[in-house]
Amino acid sequence: MGRQEACEAPHTVTLDKDFAGVPAGSRLLISCPMELEDYLKNHVPYGTSKEIHQVRRELAALYGADTTCPDSTGIFLRTVTDAAWDEMGAG
């Protein structure tokens, strides 16, 4: 993204009920766009790809969580990729 954007620091919550296919009692990581961008730059070598399931598993493991929030992770991934696309278009 190349610019500092305010976001809440990554944190975990313990689910008290099932959510988006994640069972109650799971520790769920809520990340942020900057954290996801950093993860991608450091864990996905240029020219390669990873399945979103693998990204979520690995990112969660860095924080001792069971998984990441599927909704926010998808939104943040879109934010990061849109920003990268814009930067590529700008040269």
N, C-alpha and C. Protein backbone atom coordinates (compact mmCIF):
# COMPACT_ATOMS: atom_id res chain seq x y z
N MET A 1 0.81 -1.18 0.00
CA MET A 1 0.00 0.00 0.00
C MET A 1 0.86 1.25 0.00
N GLY A 2 2.06 1.17 0.56
CA GLY A 2 2.99 2.24 0.45
C GLY A 2 2.68 3.46 1.31
N ARG A 3 1.57 3.51 1.94
CA ARG A 3 1.21 4.65 2.77
C ARG A 3 0.68 4.12 4.11
N GLN A 4 0.90 4.90 5.13
CA GLN A 4 0.43 4.50 6.44
C GLN A 4 -1.05 4.81 6.55
N GLU A 5 -1.84 3.83 6.79
CA GLU A 5 -3.26 4.02 6.99
C GLU A 5 -3.60 3.56 8.40
N ALA A 6 -4.44 4.34 9.04
CA ALA A 6 -4.83 3.99 10.39
C ALA A 6 -5.66 2.72 10.37
N CYS A 7 -5.34 1.83 11.26
CA CYS A 7 -6.16 0.64 11.44
C CYS A 7 -5.97 0.16 12.86
N GLU A 8 -6.97 -0.51 13.33
CA GLU A 8 -6.88 -1.09 14.67
C GLU A 8 -5.81 -2.18 14.64
N ALA A 9 -5.02 -2.25 15.68
CA ALA A 9 -3.97 -3.26 15.76
C ALA A 9 -4.59 -4.65 15.68
N PRO A 10 -3.88 -5.58 15.04
CA PRO A 10 -4.38 -6.96 15.02
C PRO A 10 -4.62 -7.45 16.45
N HIS A 11 -5.72 -8.15 16.62
CA HIS A 11 -6.07 -8.67 17.94
C HIS A 11 -6.89 -9.95 17.78
N THR A 12 -7.00 -10.70 18.86
CA THR A 12 -7.80 -11.93 18.82
C THR A 12 -9.02 -11.78 19.72
N VAL A 13 -10.04 -12.50 19.34
CA VAL A 13 -11.25 -12.61 20.15
C VAL A 13 -11.60 -14.10 20.23
N THR A 14 -12.25 -14.47 21.31
CA THR A 14 -12.74 -15.84 21.44
C THR A 14 -14.23 -15.81 21.14
N LEU A 15 -14.62 -16.59 20.16
CA LEU A 15 -16.02 -16.60 19.72
C LEU A 15 -16.91 -17.25 20.76
N ASP A 16 -18.02 -16.60 21.06
CA ASP A 16 -18.98 -17.20 21.99
C ASP A 16 -20.08 -17.95 21.25
N LYS A 17 -20.10 -17.82 19.91
CA LYS A 17 -21.02 -18.60 19.09
C LYS A 17 -20.38 -18.82 17.73
N ASP A 18 -20.88 -19.77 16.97
CA ASP A 18 -20.35 -20.05 15.64
C ASP A 18 -20.45 -18.80 14.77
N PHE A 19 -19.45 -18.61 13.91
CA PHE A 19 -19.44 -17.45 13.02
C PHE A 19 -18.76 -17.82 11.70
N ALA A 20 -19.46 -17.69 10.61
CA ALA A 20 -18.91 -17.87 9.26
C ALA A 20 -18.11 -19.17 9.12
N GLY A 21 -18.64 -20.23 9.65
CA GLY A 21 -17.96 -21.52 9.55
C GLY A 21 -16.88 -21.76 10.59
N VAL A 22 -16.70 -20.82 11.51
CA VAL A 22 -15.72 -20.96 12.58
C VAL A 22 -16.49 -21.27 13.86
N PRO A 23 -16.16 -22.39 14.51
CA PRO A 23 -16.95 -22.81 15.67
C PRO A 23 -16.74 -21.95 16.92
N ALA A 24 -17.77 -21.90 17.74
CA ALA A 24 -17.69 -21.22 19.03
C ALA A 24 -16.50 -21.74 19.82
N GLY A 25 -15.86 -20.85 20.57
CA GLY A 25 -14.70 -21.23 21.37
C GLY A 25 -13.38 -21.03 20.64
N SER A 26 -13.43 -20.79 19.34
CA SER A 26 -12.20 -20.58 18.56
C SER A 26 -11.63 -19.19 18.84
N ARG A 27 -10.29 -19.13 18.83
CA ARG A 27 -9.61 -17.83 18.92
C ARG A 27 -9.48 -17.31 17.50
N LEU A 28 -10.11 -16.16 17.24
CA LEU A 28 -10.21 -15.60 15.90
C LEU A 28 -9.34 -14.34 15.82
N LEU A 29 -8.42 -14.31 14.86
CA LEU A 29 -7.59 -13.12 14.65
C LEU A 29 -8.34 -12.13 13.78
N ILE A 30 -8.40 -10.89 14.24
CA ILE A 30 -8.89 -9.78 13.43
C ILE A 30 -7.64 -9.00 13.06
N SER A 31 -7.25 -9.06 11.81
CA SER A 31 -6.02 -8.42 11.36
C SER A 31 -6.31 -6.99 10.92
N CYS A 32 -5.52 -6.45 10.02
CA CYS A 32 -5.75 -5.13 9.43
C CYS A 32 -5.03 -5.11 8.08
N PRO A 33 -5.36 -4.17 7.20
CA PRO A 33 -4.73 -4.16 5.88
C PRO A 33 -3.21 -4.09 5.92
N MET A 34 -2.65 -3.26 6.79
CA MET A 34 -1.18 -3.14 6.84
C MET A 34 -0.53 -4.44 7.26
N GLU A 35 -1.13 -5.13 8.21
CA GLU A 35 -0.59 -6.41 8.67
C GLU A 35 -0.66 -7.45 7.54
N LEU A 36 -1.76 -7.48 6.83
CA LEU A 36 -1.92 -8.42 5.72
C LEU A 36 -0.92 -8.11 4.61
N GLU A 37 -0.73 -6.84 4.31
CA GLU A 37 0.26 -6.45 3.30
C GLU A 37 1.66 -6.90 3.71
N ASP A 38 2.01 -6.69 4.97
CA ASP A 38 3.32 -7.11 5.48
C ASP A 38 3.48 -8.62 5.38
N TYR A 39 2.44 -9.35 5.77
CA TYR A 39 2.48 -10.81 5.68
C TYR A 39 2.74 -11.25 4.23
N LEU A 40 2.00 -10.69 3.29
CA LEU A 40 2.14 -11.08 1.89
C LEU A 40 3.55 -10.80 1.37
N LYS A 41 4.08 -9.63 1.71
CA LYS A 41 5.43 -9.27 1.26
C LYS A 41 6.49 -10.20 1.82
N ASN A 42 6.28 -10.68 3.04
CA ASN A 42 7.30 -11.49 3.71
C ASN A 42 7.10 -13.00 3.62
N HIS A 43 5.91 -13.45 3.21
CA HIS A 43 5.63 -14.88 3.21
C HIS A 43 5.15 -15.45 1.88
N VAL A 44 4.99 -14.58 0.89
CA VAL A 44 4.58 -15.05 -0.44
C VAL A 44 5.60 -14.50 -1.43
N PRO A 45 6.57 -15.32 -1.82
CA PRO A 45 7.61 -14.83 -2.73
C PRO A 45 7.03 -14.29 -4.04
N TYR A 46 7.68 -13.27 -4.55
CA TYR A 46 7.26 -12.65 -5.81
C TYR A 46 7.08 -13.73 -6.88
N GLY A 47 6.01 -13.64 -7.62
CA GLY A 47 5.75 -14.59 -8.70
C GLY A 47 5.07 -15.87 -8.27
N THR A 48 4.77 -16.00 -6.96
CA THR A 48 4.08 -17.19 -6.46
C THR A 48 2.72 -16.79 -5.92
N SER A 49 1.97 -17.76 -5.52
CA SER A 49 0.66 -17.48 -4.93
C SER A 49 0.40 -18.48 -3.80
N LYS A 50 -0.57 -18.14 -2.98
CA LYS A 50 -1.03 -19.04 -1.91
C LYS A 50 -2.54 -18.99 -1.89
N GLU A 51 -3.13 -20.11 -1.54
CA GLU A 51 -4.58 -20.17 -1.33
C GLU A 51 -4.94 -19.32 -0.12
N ILE A 52 -6.09 -18.70 -0.16
CA ILE A 52 -6.53 -17.86 0.96
C ILE A 52 -6.63 -18.65 2.26
N HIS A 53 -6.98 -19.94 2.17
CA HIS A 53 -7.06 -20.78 3.38
C HIS A 53 -5.68 -20.87 4.04
N GLN A 54 -4.64 -21.04 3.23
CA GLN A 54 -3.29 -21.14 3.75
C GLN A 54 -2.84 -19.81 4.36
N VAL A 55 -3.15 -18.72 3.69
CA VAL A 55 -2.80 -17.39 4.21
C VAL A 55 -3.47 -17.19 5.58
N ARG A 56 -4.73 -17.52 5.68
CA ARG A 56 -5.45 -17.35 6.94
C ARG A 56 -4.86 -18.22 8.04
N ARG A 57 -4.53 -19.45 7.72
CA ARG A 57 -3.94 -20.37 8.71
C ARG A 57 -2.60 -19.84 9.21
N GLU A 58 -1.74 -19.45 8.26
CA GLU A 58 -0.39 -19.00 8.63
C GLU A 58 -0.42 -17.68 9.40
N LEU A 59 -1.26 -16.75 8.97
CA LEU A 59 -1.36 -15.48 9.67
C LEU A 59 -1.89 -15.68 11.09
N ALA A 60 -2.89 -16.52 11.24
CA ALA A 60 -3.42 -16.83 12.57
C ALA A 60 -2.34 -17.43 13.46
N ALA A 61 -1.55 -18.34 12.91
CA ALA A 61 -0.51 -19.00 13.70
C ALA A 61 0.51 -18.00 14.24
N LEU A 62 0.77 -16.94 13.49
CA LEU A 62 1.71 -15.91 13.96
C LEU A 62 1.22 -15.23 15.23
N TYR A 63 -0.08 -15.27 15.46
CA TYR A 63 -0.68 -14.62 16.63
C TYR A 63 -1.24 -15.62 17.64
N GLY A 64 -1.00 -16.89 17.44
CA GLY A 64 -1.49 -17.90 18.36
C GLY A 64 -3.00 -18.07 18.31
N ALA A 65 -3.60 -17.71 17.18
CA ALA A 65 -5.04 -17.85 17.01
C ALA A 65 -5.35 -19.13 16.24
N ASP A 66 -6.60 -19.53 16.26
CA ASP A 66 -7.01 -20.73 15.52
C ASP A 66 -7.20 -20.43 14.03
N THR A 67 -7.68 -19.25 13.72
CA THR A 67 -7.92 -18.85 12.34
C THR A 67 -8.06 -17.33 12.31
N THR A 68 -8.22 -16.79 11.11
CA THR A 68 -8.50 -15.36 10.99
C THR A 68 -9.98 -15.19 10.64
N CYS A 69 -10.47 -14.00 10.84
CA CYS A 69 -11.85 -13.71 10.46
C CYS A 69 -11.95 -13.80 8.94
N PRO A 70 -12.81 -14.68 8.42
CA PRO A 70 -12.90 -14.82 6.97
C PRO A 70 -13.43 -13.56 6.29
N ASP A 71 -14.32 -12.85 6.94
CA ASP A 71 -14.90 -11.64 6.33
C ASP A 71 -13.88 -10.51 6.26
N SER A 72 -13.29 -10.15 7.40
CA SER A 72 -12.35 -9.03 7.39
C SER A 72 -11.10 -9.35 6.59
N THR A 73 -10.65 -10.59 6.62
CA THR A 73 -9.47 -10.96 5.84
C THR A 73 -9.73 -10.76 4.35
N GLY A 74 -10.90 -11.16 3.89
CA GLY A 74 -11.25 -10.96 2.48
C GLY A 74 -11.32 -9.49 2.11
N ILE A 75 -11.92 -8.69 2.99
CA ILE A 75 -12.02 -7.25 2.74
C ILE A 75 -10.63 -6.62 2.72
N PHE A 76 -9.79 -6.98 3.69
CA PHE A 76 -8.45 -6.41 3.77
C PHE A 76 -7.59 -6.85 2.60
N LEU A 77 -7.75 -8.09 2.16
CA LEU A 77 -7.01 -8.56 1.00
C LEU A 77 -7.39 -7.74 -0.23
N ARG A 78 -8.67 -7.47 -0.38
CA ARG A 78 -9.12 -6.64 -1.51
C ARG A 78 -8.53 -5.24 -1.41
N THR A 79 -8.48 -4.67 -0.22
CA THR A 79 -7.91 -3.35 -0.01
C THR A 79 -6.44 -3.32 -0.43
N VAL A 80 -5.69 -4.33 0.00
CA VAL A 80 -4.26 -4.41 -0.32
C VAL A 80 -4.04 -4.60 -1.81
N THR A 81 -4.79 -5.49 -2.44
CA THR A 81 -4.59 -5.75 -3.86
C THR A 81 -5.03 -4.56 -4.72
N ASP A 82 -6.09 -3.87 -4.33
CA ASP A 82 -6.51 -2.67 -5.06
C ASP A 82 -5.43 -1.59 -4.98
N ALA A 83 -4.85 -1.41 -3.80
CA ALA A 83 -3.80 -0.41 -3.64
C ALA A 83 -2.57 -0.77 -4.48
N ALA A 84 -2.21 -2.06 -4.49
CA ALA A 84 -1.07 -2.50 -5.30
C ALA A 84 -1.35 -2.28 -6.79
N TRP A 85 -2.56 -2.56 -7.20
CA TRP A 85 -2.94 -2.36 -8.59
C TRP A 85 -2.83 -0.88 -8.98
N ASP A 86 -3.30 0.00 -8.09
CA ASP A 86 -3.21 1.43 -8.32
C ASP A 86 -1.75 1.88 -8.43
N GLU A 87 -0.89 1.35 -7.55
CA GLU A 87 0.52 1.71 -7.59
C GLU A 87 1.17 1.23 -8.88
N MET A 88 0.80 0.05 -9.34
CA MET A 88 1.35 -0.45 -10.61
C MET A 88 0.91 0.44 -11.76
N GLY A 89 -0.33 0.89 -11.74
CA GLY A 89 -0.84 1.75 -12.81
C GLY A 89 -0.17 3.12 -12.81
N ALA A 90 0.27 3.55 -11.64
CA ALA A 90 0.93 4.85 -11.52
C ALA A 90 2.42 4.78 -11.87
N GLY A 91 2.89 3.57 -12.12
CA GLY A 91 4.30 3.40 -12.50
C GLY A 91 5.17 3.09 -11.34
